Amino acid sequence: MEYINKILDLLQYNPKEPLLFNTGLFLFLFLFVALGYFALRKKLTARLVFVTLFSYYFYYKSSGAYFCLLAVVTISDWLIAKRIALPFVSKDDSNSEAESTGEDESKRGNRWWLLLSLVIDLGLLAYFKYTNFFAGLISQAIGENFQPWDIFLPAGISFFTFKSISYTIDVYRGKMKPVDSLLDYAFYVSFFPVLLAGPIVRATDFISQIRKPLCITRRMFAFGAYLIIIGLFKKMVISDYISANFVSRVFDNPTLFSGGEILMALYGYSIQLYCDFSGYSDMAIGISALLGFNIPANFNAPYKADSLSDFWRRWHISLSSWIRDYIYISLGGNRKGKVRMYLNQMIAMTLCGLWHGASLNFVLWGVLHGLGVCIHKFFSQSVLHHDRHYHPSGIRRFFAVILTFHLVTFLWIFFRSQDFQAASLLINQLFSKFDVSLFPAIFAAYKYVFAIMAFALITHWLPDSWQNRIVSGFEKGGVLVCALALTFIIYLAMQVKSSDIQPFIYLQF
């Protein structure tokens, strides 16, 4: 009877216990999924069905009945993309004018189909994520008291809608042909490693891998295992520890802490957020590698950036490149003069902020990043006449990196705070209650937290060659060494664990 109850628990949706990468349940289930996956390695269709069904189950465990939204987006965009790709047939093929007219009508028709796809995808995203936000703004503008409606936010909706939108746009632009098989497209949209929090994988990068013969080299296995281990370490040992033991305490009650503690909490949140999100991306890419799929990197040492422009080339690369290709370039990019370029940049970064959350705090965060990018571009390209690929070197790079890191860290205040009042309170405490003489006591009180923060920053600057050496060691050691390393990380995580399993920060987006 006890086993039956456990099986029923596995089949039921529990909003308090989502199926996350950093849970023992996921590691247990993934072991069986991997065994079934390799057992079906020579049966392509069965393997795709198997993974797709598990992906839907994975999403069901995160959002319950709202997994139906995943099916709605998948089926609608698959059908619309096939319609977009249908050529217009002119009644009189011999008439060049008729052919030209036919092409124009075809393009206009395709635009309407693309618009329908955008209405469906963005309509779902807007309803579940932004209804209360915009309704609150309207109510505030007309002087009405607004009580937020009880609207559930499905996990990862921002990620899988953006992924599907990129597909229909790429088909419309002629960058790829529509996917013939609904199963292939469902596999792409629902692929569980990247479903809830990215990376936002493009169909142009992923679809071609689906029907390739399954081939996982020793190097690929070692690389996947390494990323899973390092991702768990980032999340459970670094991010969760400094959050539970310092950062959350300060942000939740800033008036109880000095300016020095606020400053260290800001540094801590920069590290926490990076380790949390990049840790998820590492695990997603690692799990994908173990299943035979190559997923592009989502982070490239962002705190090594020498400008805000460089930061967005390194941070959440799949989102920043998505916004560049489908918003910034669609608005005209830099093709319509400098003034228009700066305006397009501001619009793109503002929408980037809004994508992260339905709050004016996130909008302001995006606006300030947009201003920073525009100011950097202006001085670098228009005043100093640098090439757009220019990076400073030597002492200039040192100070540029330090300045960029502190600017990014300061702007995280608006990202982390619940509202403007909380952000204002933090800033006021930071500057009005700052006392250098308190630093020895602060370091003594939180010595373990600061030691882990220092370790995280130091390892952030390690060269890629170190990673390659570790992967090579895993490759030589095989499954046994990888298993021992994973066991050690889980043991270490259990030693520093001070609360229940912490969800990934970006799951709320």
Protein backbone atom coordinates (compact mmCIF):
# COMPACT_ATOMS: atom_id res chain seq x y z
CA MET A 1 0.00 0.00 0.00
CA GLU A 2 2.87 2.33 0.80
CA TYR A 3 4.36 1.83 -2.66
CA ILE A 4 1.00 2.56 -4.27
CA ASN A 5 0.77 5.83 -2.33
CA LYS A 6 4.27 6.81 -3.49
CA ILE A 7 3.34 6.10 -7.10
CA LEU A 8 0.17 8.17 -6.72
CA ASP A 9 2.26 11.00 -5.29
CA LEU A 10 4.47 10.86 -8.37
CA LEU A 11 1.43 11.16 -10.61
CA GLN A 12 -0.15 14.06 -8.72
CA TYR A 13 0.67 17.74 -9.07
CA ASN A 14 1.83 19.38 -5.85
CA PRO A 15 2.52 23.12 -6.20
CA LYS A 16 4.69 22.99 -3.08
CA GLU A 17 6.93 20.28 -4.52
CA PRO A 18 7.73 21.03 -8.18
CA LEU A 19 10.04 18.64 -10.01
CA LEU A 20 13.33 20.57 -10.06
CA PHE A 21 16.85 19.65 -11.16
CA ASN A 22 18.16 20.13 -7.61
CA THR A 23 15.86 17.54 -6.04
CA GLY A 24 16.62 13.91 -5.33
CA LEU A 25 13.39 12.92 -7.06
CA PHE A 26 14.54 14.39 -10.36
CA LEU A 27 17.93 12.68 -10.19
CA PHE A 28 16.14 9.40 -9.44
CA LEU A 29 13.65 9.82 -12.30
CA PHE A 30 16.33 10.97 -14.73
CA LEU A 31 18.26 7.76 -14.11
CA PHE A 32 15.27 5.73 -15.30
CA VAL A 33 14.60 8.14 -18.17
CA ALA A 34 18.21 7.75 -19.32
CA LEU A 35 17.97 3.95 -19.14
CA GLY A 36 14.74 3.97 -21.18
CA TYR A 37 16.22 6.48 -23.60
CA PHE A 38 19.24 4.33 -24.37
CA ALA A 39 17.13 1.18 -24.53
CA LEU A 40 15.25 2.90 -27.38
CA ARG A 41 18.38 4.24 -29.07
CA LYS A 42 17.66 2.35 -32.31
CA LYS A 43 13.93 3.15 -32.32
CA LEU A 44 13.79 6.84 -33.19
CA THR A 45 10.04 7.44 -33.11
CA ALA A 46 9.57 5.54 -29.86
CA ARG A 47 12.46 7.47 -28.32
CA LEU A 48 10.99 10.83 -29.34
CA VAL A 49 7.57 9.87 -27.99
CA PHE A 50 9.14 8.66 -24.75
CA VAL A 51 11.04 11.90 -24.10
CA THR A 52 8.12 14.09 -25.18
CA LEU A 53 5.77 12.31 -22.77
CA PHE A 54 8.28 12.70 -19.94
CA SER A 55 8.68 16.40 -20.84
CA TYR A 56 4.94 16.92 -20.53
CA TYR A 57 4.96 15.04 -17.24
CA PHE A 58 7.88 17.22 -16.09
CA TYR A 59 5.89 20.34 -16.95
CA TYR A 60 2.75 18.94 -15.33
CA LYS A 61 4.69 18.50 -12.07
CA SER A 62 5.59 22.20 -12.27
CA SER A 63 2.31 23.76 -13.42
CA GLY A 64 -0.44 21.17 -13.14
CA ALA A 65 -3.24 21.28 -15.71
CA TYR A 66 -1.61 24.28 -17.37
CA PHE A 67 0.58 21.86 -19.30
CA CYS A 68 -2.24 22.19 -21.86
CA LEU A 69 -0.81 25.62 -22.74
CA LEU A 70 2.31 23.89 -23.96
CA ALA A 71 0.19 21.81 -26.33
CA VAL A 72 -1.77 24.88 -27.53
CA VAL A 73 1.39 26.81 -28.41
CA THR A 74 2.97 23.74 -30.03
CA ILE A 75 0.05 22.75 -32.26
CA SER A 76 -0.96 26.28 -33.28
CA ASP A 77 2.55 27.36 -34.29
CA TRP A 78 3.25 24.09 -36.08
CA LEU A 79 0.10 24.52 -38.18
CA ILE A 80 0.67 28.24 -38.76
CA ALA A 81 4.29 27.75 -39.83
CA LYS A 82 3.23 25.18 -42.42
CA ARG A 83 0.68 27.67 -43.75
CA ILE A 84 3.25 30.46 -43.86
CA ALA A 85 5.55 28.31 -45.97
CA LEU A 86 2.90 27.51 -48.61
CA PRO A 87 3.82 29.30 -51.86
CA PHE A 88 1.26 31.55 -53.51
CA VAL A 89 0.15 30.14 -56.87
CA SER A 90 -0.73 32.76 -59.50
CA LYS A 91 -3.61 32.11 -61.88
CA ASP A 92 -1.49 33.20 -64.86
CA ASP A 93 2.08 32.02 -64.49
CA SER A 94 3.04 33.58 -67.82
CA ASN A 95 2.16 37.08 -66.68
CA SER A 96 5.12 38.59 -64.84
CA GLU A 97 2.96 41.35 -63.40
CA ALA A 98 0.55 38.77 -62.05
CA GLU A 99 3.49 36.86 -60.57
CA SER A 100 4.70 40.02 -58.85
CA THR A 101 1.22 40.73 -57.54
CA GLY A 102 0.95 37.13 -56.40
CA GLU A 103 4.20 37.38 -54.46
CA ASP A 104 3.03 40.58 -52.77
CA GLU A 105 -0.29 38.99 -51.85
CA SER A 106 1.55 35.94 -50.57
CA LYS A 107 3.74 38.09 -48.33
CA ARG A 108 0.73 39.97 -47.05
CA GLY A 109 -1.05 36.70 -46.37
CA ASN A 110 1.98 35.31 -44.58
CA ARG A 111 2.13 38.43 -42.40
CA TRP A 112 -1.42 37.76 -41.26
CA TRP A 113 -0.55 34.17 -40.38
CA LEU A 114 2.54 35.37 -38.51
CA LEU A 115 0.41 37.95 -36.72
CA LEU A 116 -1.98 35.18 -35.68
CA SER A 117 0.93 33.21 -34.22
CA LEU A 118 2.10 36.29 -32.29
CA VAL A 119 -1.41 36.99 -31.02
CA ILE A 120 -1.77 33.44 -29.70
CA ASP A 121 1.69 33.23 -28.10
CA LEU A 122 1.94 36.77 -26.77
CA GLY A 123 -1.75 36.75 -25.85
CA LEU A 124 -1.24 33.76 -23.55
CA LEU A 125 1.91 35.32 -22.12
CA ALA A 126 0.20 38.68 -21.60
CA TYR A 127 -2.85 37.19 -19.90
CA PHE A 128 -1.05 34.97 -17.42
CA LYS A 129 1.90 37.24 -16.71
CA TYR A 130 0.82 40.85 -17.29
CA THR A 131 -2.97 41.12 -16.74
CA ASN A 132 -2.66 42.25 -13.12
CA PHE A 133 0.24 44.55 -13.97
CA PHE A 134 -1.54 46.50 -16.70
CA ALA A 135 -4.90 46.41 -14.90
CA GLY A 136 -3.17 47.88 -11.85
CA LEU A 137 -1.60 50.66 -13.92
CA ILE A 138 -4.96 51.54 -15.49
CA SER A 139 -6.71 51.49 -12.12
CA GLN A 140 -4.03 53.72 -10.63
CA ALA A 141 -4.31 56.15 -13.54
CA ILE A 142 -8.07 56.56 -13.07
CA GLY A 143 -7.86 56.63 -9.28
CA GLU A 144 -9.46 53.25 -8.61
CA ASN A 145 -8.40 50.76 -5.95
CA PHE A 146 -7.32 47.56 -7.68
CA GLN A 147 -7.20 44.14 -6.06
CA PRO A 148 -5.08 41.71 -8.12
CA TRP A 149 -6.96 38.84 -9.67
CA ASP A 150 -6.01 35.29 -8.81
CA ILE A 151 -4.20 34.34 -12.01
CA PHE A 152 -1.77 31.44 -11.90
CA LEU A 153 1.57 32.00 -13.64
CA PRO A 154 2.60 28.77 -15.41
CA ALA A 155 6.28 27.96 -14.94
CA GLY A 156 8.54 28.78 -17.87
CA ILE A 157 5.81 30.34 -20.03
CA SER A 158 8.15 33.18 -21.04
CA PHE A 159 10.73 30.67 -22.22
CA PHE A 160 8.70 28.27 -24.31
CA THR A 161 6.58 31.03 -25.93
CA PHE A 162 9.71 32.90 -26.99
CA LYS A 163 11.16 29.65 -28.31
CA SER A 164 8.08 28.97 -30.42
CA ILE A 165 7.84 32.59 -31.62
CA SER A 166 11.40 32.44 -32.93
CA TYR A 167 10.43 29.37 -34.98
CA THR A 168 7.48 30.98 -36.78
CA ILE A 169 9.47 34.17 -37.41
CA ASP A 170 12.41 32.20 -38.82
CA VAL A 171 10.05 30.30 -41.13
CA TYR A 172 8.47 33.61 -42.19
CA ARG A 173 11.91 35.11 -42.87
CA GLY A 174 12.92 32.04 -44.89
CA LYS A 175 15.73 31.06 -42.53
CA MET A 176 14.38 27.54 -42.18
CA LYS A 177 11.74 25.24 -43.59
CA PRO A 178 8.74 24.30 -41.47
CA VAL A 179 8.99 21.09 -39.49
CA ASP A 180 7.06 18.30 -41.24
CA SER A 181 6.44 16.18 -38.15
CA LEU A 182 4.28 17.42 -35.29
CA LEU A 183 6.14 14.97 -33.04
CA ASP A 184 9.47 16.59 -33.90
CA TYR A 185 8.13 20.05 -33.14
CA ALA A 186 6.49 18.90 -29.89
CA PHE A 187 9.82 17.34 -28.91
CA TYR A 188 11.58 20.65 -29.62
CA VAL A 189 9.17 22.90 -27.73
CA SER A 190 8.76 20.62 -24.71
CA PHE A 191 12.33 19.28 -24.40
CA PHE A 192 12.46 19.09 -20.61
CA PRO A 193 16.08 20.15 -19.85
CA VAL A 194 15.49 23.64 -21.29
CA LEU A 195 11.72 23.89 -20.80
CA LEU A 196 11.31 25.82 -17.55
CA ALA A 197 14.20 28.30 -17.51
CA GLY A 198 16.03 28.04 -20.79
CA PRO A 199 18.35 28.46 -22.48
CA ILE A 200 15.97 29.67 -25.21
CA VAL A 201 17.11 27.26 -27.92
CA ARG A 202 16.41 28.25 -31.53
CA ALA A 203 14.72 25.77 -33.84
CA THR A 204 17.50 26.44 -36.36
CA ASP A 205 20.00 25.05 -33.84
CA PHE A 206 17.94 22.19 -32.44
CA ILE A 207 15.59 20.68 -35.05
CA SER A 208 18.40 19.30 -37.20
CA GLN A 209 19.71 17.28 -34.22
CA ILE A 210 16.44 15.45 -33.53
CA ARG A 211 16.67 12.77 -36.20
CA LYS A 212 20.41 12.30 -36.21
CA PRO A 213 21.65 8.88 -35.07
CA LEU A 214 22.16 8.85 -31.31
CA CYS A 215 25.87 9.23 -30.67
CA ILE A 216 27.23 10.21 -27.27
CA THR A 217 31.02 10.23 -27.17
CA ARG A 218 33.06 9.81 -23.98
CA ARG A 219 33.94 13.50 -24.23
CA MET A 220 30.28 14.47 -24.54
CA PHE A 221 29.35 12.30 -21.55
CA ALA A 222 32.18 13.76 -19.46
CA PHE A 223 31.23 17.31 -20.44
CA GLY A 224 27.56 16.70 -19.57
CA ALA A 225 28.44 15.15 -16.21
CA TYR A 226 30.80 18.04 -15.43
CA LEU A 227 28.12 20.64 -16.16
CA ILE A 228 25.54 18.85 -14.01
CA ILE A 229 28.01 18.64 -11.11
CA ILE A 230 29.17 22.25 -11.41
CA GLY A 231 25.57 23.42 -11.81
CA LEU A 232 24.51 21.64 -8.61
CA PHE A 233 27.52 23.12 -6.82
CA LYS A 234 26.69 26.64 -7.97
CA LYS A 235 23.05 26.33 -6.97
CA MET A 236 23.06 24.28 -3.76
CA VAL A 237 26.47 25.09 -2.24
CA ILE A 238 27.00 28.72 -3.27
CA SER A 239 23.71 30.36 -4.21
CA ASP A 240 21.39 28.79 -1.63
CA TYR A 241 23.90 29.11 1.21
CA ILE A 242 24.69 32.81 0.84
CA SER A 243 21.02 33.54 0.22
CA ALA A 244 19.70 31.76 3.31
CA ASN A 245 22.50 32.89 5.63
CA PHE A 246 22.95 36.50 4.59
CA VAL A 247 21.42 38.00 1.43
CA SER A 248 17.74 37.29 2.10
CA ARG A 249 18.04 38.48 5.69
CA VAL A 250 19.39 41.86 4.58
CA PHE A 251 16.98 42.40 1.69
CA ASP A 252 13.95 41.38 3.74
CA ASN A 253 14.76 43.77 6.62
CA PRO A 254 17.20 46.42 5.35
CA THR A 255 16.59 48.86 8.22
CA LEU A 256 18.18 46.38 10.64
CA PHE A 257 21.51 46.47 8.81
CA SER A 258 24.29 49.01 8.24
CA GLY A 259 25.39 50.41 4.89
CA GLY A 260 28.38 48.07 4.87
CA GLU A 261 26.12 45.05 5.29
CA ILE A 262 23.85 46.35 2.52
CA LEU A 263 26.88 46.66 0.23
CA MET A 264 28.07 43.14 0.99
CA ALA A 265 24.52 41.84 0.48
CA LEU A 266 24.49 43.47 -2.96
CA TYR A 267 27.74 41.71 -3.81
CA GLY A 268 26.21 38.54 -2.43
CA TYR A 269 23.07 38.89 -4.52
CA SER A 270 25.16 39.40 -7.67
CA ILE A 271 26.89 36.12 -6.94
CA GLN A 272 23.68 34.37 -5.81
CA LEU A 273 21.74 35.30 -8.94
CA TYR A 274 24.56 34.36 -11.28
CA CYS A 275 25.23 31.01 -9.59
CA ASP A 276 21.51 30.24 -9.40
CA PHE A 277 20.70 30.96 -13.03
CA SER A 278 23.96 29.84 -14.62
CA GLY A 279 23.76 26.74 -12.42
CA TYR A 280 20.38 25.91 -13.94
CA SER A 281 21.71 26.57 -17.45
CA ASP A 282 24.75 24.38 -16.78
CA MET A 283 22.53 21.50 -15.65
CA ALA A 284 20.16 21.97 -18.59
CA ILE A 285 23.03 21.90 -21.08
CA GLY A 286 24.66 18.98 -19.26
CA ILE A 287 21.47 16.87 -19.21
CA SER A 288 20.97 17.67 -22.90
CA ALA A 289 24.52 16.51 -23.62
CA LEU A 290 23.86 13.20 -21.86
CA LEU A 291 20.89 12.77 -24.20
CA GLY A 292 23.01 13.55 -27.26
CA PHE A 293 22.04 17.19 -27.89
CA ASN A 294 24.33 20.21 -28.16
CA ILE A 295 22.86 23.33 -26.54
CA PRO A 296 24.72 26.67 -26.89
CA ALA A 297 26.21 28.21 -23.75
CA ASN A 298 23.98 30.70 -21.93
CA PHE A 299 26.66 32.47 -19.85
CA ASN A 300 30.21 33.52 -20.55
CA ALA A 301 31.74 34.87 -17.34
CA PRO A 302 29.47 37.97 -17.28
CA TYR A 303 31.30 39.65 -14.41
CA LYS A 304 34.38 39.86 -16.61
CA ALA A 305 32.47 42.32 -18.83
CA ASP A 306 34.14 45.68 -19.49
CA SER A 307 30.88 47.53 -20.33
CA LEU A 308 27.14 47.03 -20.14
CA SER A 309 27.17 46.20 -23.86
CA ASP A 310 29.73 43.48 -23.16
CA PHE A 311 27.73 42.31 -20.13
CA TRP A 312 24.70 41.57 -22.32
CA ARG A 313 26.88 39.58 -24.70
CA ARG A 314 27.82 37.39 -21.74
CA TRP A 315 24.70 37.29 -19.54
CA HIS A 316 21.67 35.15 -20.47
CA ILE A 317 23.02 34.97 -24.01
CA SER A 318 19.99 33.12 -25.41
CA LEU A 319 17.63 35.91 -24.27
CA SER A 320 19.84 38.86 -25.20
CA SER A 321 20.48 37.41 -28.68
CA TRP A 322 16.73 36.69 -29.03
CA ILE A 323 15.88 40.30 -28.21
CA ARG A 324 18.58 41.51 -30.60
CA ASP A 325 17.38 39.34 -33.52
CA TYR A 326 13.62 39.55 -33.09
CA ILE A 327 13.04 42.98 -31.50
CA TYR A 328 16.05 45.27 -32.02
CA ILE A 329 16.71 44.23 -35.63
CA SER A 330 12.99 44.05 -36.42
CA LEU A 331 12.69 47.69 -35.29
CA GLY A 332 15.44 48.66 -37.71
CA GLY A 333 18.55 48.06 -35.60
CA ASN A 334 21.25 50.53 -36.59
CA ARG A 335 20.12 50.78 -40.22
CA LYS A 336 18.08 53.99 -39.83
CA GLY A 337 20.52 56.40 -38.25
CA LYS A 338 22.03 56.80 -34.81
CA VAL A 339 19.05 58.44 -33.14
CA ARG A 340 16.79 55.61 -34.26
CA MET A 341 19.45 53.10 -33.20
CA TYR A 342 19.47 54.47 -29.65
CA LEU A 343 15.67 54.50 -29.58
CA ASN A 344 15.55 50.87 -30.78
CA GLN A 345 18.10 49.95 -28.13
CA MET A 346 16.01 51.58 -25.41
CA ILE A 347 12.83 49.83 -26.56
CA ALA A 348 14.60 46.46 -26.68
CA MET A 349 16.11 46.79 -23.20
CA THR A 350 12.86 48.11 -21.71
CA LEU A 351 11.04 45.06 -23.07
CA CYS A 352 13.86 42.92 -21.70
CA GLY A 353 13.13 44.33 -18.27
CA LEU A 354 9.39 43.75 -18.68
CA TRP A 355 10.06 40.16 -19.83
CA HIS A 356 11.73 39.49 -16.51
CA GLY A 357 8.75 40.51 -14.44
CA ALA A 358 5.39 42.30 -14.39
CA SER A 359 6.55 45.19 -12.23
CA LEU A 360 7.67 48.79 -12.72
CA ASN A 361 10.85 47.79 -10.89
CA PHE A 362 11.79 45.47 -13.73
CA VAL A 363 10.83 48.10 -16.30
CA LEU A 364 13.10 50.65 -14.60
CA TRP A 365 15.87 48.05 -14.41
CA GLY A 366 15.57 47.49 -18.16
CA VAL A 367 15.45 51.24 -18.88
CA LEU A 368 18.59 51.90 -16.83
CA HIS A 369 20.45 49.08 -18.58
CA GLY A 370 19.28 50.51 -21.91
CA LEU A 371 20.59 53.94 -20.96
CA GLY A 372 23.89 52.42 -19.89
CA VAL A 373 24.27 50.56 -23.19
CA CYS A 374 23.40 53.69 -25.20
CA ILE A 375 25.82 55.90 -23.23
CA HIS A 376 28.60 53.35 -23.70
CA LYS A 377 27.92 53.10 -27.43
CA PHE A 378 27.87 56.89 -27.80
CA PHE A 379 31.19 57.52 -26.04
CA SER A 380 32.93 54.47 -27.42
CA GLN A 381 31.86 54.80 -31.06
CA SER A 382 30.88 58.45 -31.58
CA VAL A 383 33.27 60.27 -29.22
CA LEU A 384 36.31 57.97 -29.08
CA HIS A 385 35.65 56.46 -32.54
CA HIS A 386 36.30 52.90 -31.43
CA ASP A 387 35.22 49.95 -33.50
CA ARG A 388 32.07 48.32 -32.11
CA HIS A 389 34.15 45.22 -31.32
CA TYR A 390 36.67 47.26 -29.31
CA HIS A 391 37.67 46.11 -25.81
CA PRO A 392 40.09 48.00 -23.56
CA SER A 393 43.27 46.31 -22.38
CA GLY A 394 45.71 46.60 -19.51
CA ILE A 395 44.87 49.01 -16.69
CA ARG A 396 41.96 50.44 -18.67
CA ARG A 397 40.32 47.05 -18.84
CA PHE A 398 40.87 46.54 -15.11
CA PHE A 399 39.02 49.72 -14.19
CA ALA A 400 36.37 49.14 -16.88
CA VAL A 401 35.58 45.70 -15.44
CA ILE A 402 35.45 47.03 -11.87
CA LEU A 403 33.15 49.89 -12.88
CA THR A 404 30.86 47.60 -14.91
CA PHE A 405 30.60 45.06 -12.10
CA HIS A 406 29.61 47.72 -9.58
CA LEU A 407 27.10 49.30 -11.95
CA VAL A 408 25.48 45.93 -12.65
CA THR A 409 25.50 45.13 -8.93
CA PHE A 410 23.86 48.44 -8.03
CA LEU A 411 21.13 47.94 -10.65
CA TRP A 412 20.33 44.51 -9.16
CA ILE A 413 18.64 46.52 -6.36
CA PHE A 414 15.68 47.18 -8.66
CA PHE A 415 15.71 43.56 -9.84
CA ARG A 416 15.63 42.13 -6.30
CA SER A 417 13.35 44.64 -4.52
CA GLN A 418 9.60 44.13 -4.43
CA ASP A 419 8.80 47.76 -5.28
CA PHE A 420 10.28 51.26 -5.50
CA GLN A 421 9.79 51.86 -1.78
CA ALA A 422 11.89 48.82 -0.89
CA ALA A 423 14.56 49.83 -3.42
CA SER A 424 14.61 53.39 -2.06
CA LEU A 425 14.98 52.07 1.47
CA LEU A 426 17.95 49.93 0.49
CA ILE A 427 19.68 52.80 -1.31
CA ASN A 428 19.07 55.13 1.64
CA GLN A 429 20.53 52.61 4.08
CA LEU A 430 23.50 51.99 1.80
CA PHE A 431 24.57 55.65 1.66
CA SER A 432 23.29 57.12 4.93
CA LYS A 433 24.28 54.28 7.30
CA PHE A 434 27.67 53.44 5.84
CA ASP A 435 30.37 53.11 8.50
CA VAL A 436 33.78 51.71 7.56
CA SER A 437 34.64 51.00 11.20
CA LEU A 438 31.95 48.28 11.29
CA PHE A 439 33.55 46.16 8.58
CA PRO A 440 35.75 44.04 10.91
CA ALA A 441 32.66 43.06 12.91
CA ILE A 442 30.69 42.37 9.71
CA PHE A 443 33.40 40.09 8.33
CA ALA A 444 33.69 38.28 11.65
CA ALA A 445 29.92 37.69 11.83
CA TYR A 446 29.59 36.34 8.29
CA LYS A 447 33.06 34.91 7.67
CA TYR A 448 31.82 31.67 6.06
CA VAL A 449 29.41 33.49 3.77
CA PHE A 450 32.10 35.91 2.63
CA ALA A 451 34.58 33.05 2.16
CA ILE A 452 32.14 31.32 -0.22
CA MET A 453 31.52 34.64 -2.01
CA ALA A 454 35.27 35.15 -2.44
CA PHE A 455 35.65 31.58 -3.71
CA ALA A 456 32.86 32.17 -6.26
CA LEU A 457 34.46 35.38 -7.55
CA ILE A 458 37.93 33.82 -7.79
CA THR A 459 36.69 30.76 -9.69
CA HIS A 460 34.71 33.06 -11.98
CA TRP A 461 38.06 34.33 -13.28
CA LEU A 462 39.63 30.93 -13.86
CA PRO A 463 40.64 30.35 -17.50
CA ASP A 464 38.68 27.92 -19.67
CA SER A 465 41.69 25.63 -19.78
CA TRP A 466 40.97 24.61 -16.17
CA GLN A 467 37.48 23.48 -17.15
CA ASN A 468 38.89 21.54 -20.09
CA ARG A 469 41.33 19.75 -17.77
CA ILE A 470 38.54 18.71 -15.40
CA VAL A 471 36.43 17.44 -18.30
CA SER A 472 39.44 15.51 -19.59
CA GLY A 473 39.84 13.97 -16.14
CA PHE A 474 36.18 12.91 -16.15
CA GLU A 475 36.65 11.50 -19.64
CA LYS A 476 39.58 9.36 -18.53
CA GLY A 477 37.91 8.30 -15.28
CA GLY A 478 34.65 7.33 -16.94
CA VAL A 479 31.32 6.74 -15.22
CA LEU A 480 32.88 5.81 -11.87
CA VAL A 481 34.73 9.11 -11.42
CA CYS A 482 31.70 11.10 -12.56
CA ALA A 483 29.47 9.23 -10.09
CA LEU A 484 31.92 9.78 -7.22
CA ALA A 485 32.16 13.50 -8.02
CA LEU A 486 28.35 13.80 -8.14
CA THR A 487 28.04 11.96 -4.83
CA PHE A 488 30.59 14.29 -3.23
CA ILE A 489 28.75 17.41 -4.42
CA ILE A 490 25.42 16.08 -3.13
CA TYR A 491 27.06 15.27 0.22
CA LEU A 492 28.61 18.75 0.37
CA ALA A 493 25.26 20.33 -0.46
CA MET A 494 23.59 18.41 2.35
CA GLN A 495 26.20 19.70 4.81
CA VAL A 496 25.55 23.38 4.02
CA LYS A 497 21.81 22.95 3.51
CA SER A 498 19.91 25.08 6.04
CA SER A 499 16.35 24.99 4.72
CA ASP A 500 14.05 23.20 2.30
CA ILE A 501 14.89 22.84 -1.38
CA GLN A 502 15.09 26.33 -2.88
CA PRO A 503 13.46 26.83 -6.30
CA PHE A 504 15.51 28.43 -9.06
CA ILE A 505 15.07 32.21 -9.21
CA TYR A 506 14.38 32.31 -12.96
CA LEU A 507 11.48 29.85 -12.71
CA GLN A 508 9.30 32.85 -11.83
CA PHE A 509 10.00 34.39 -15.22
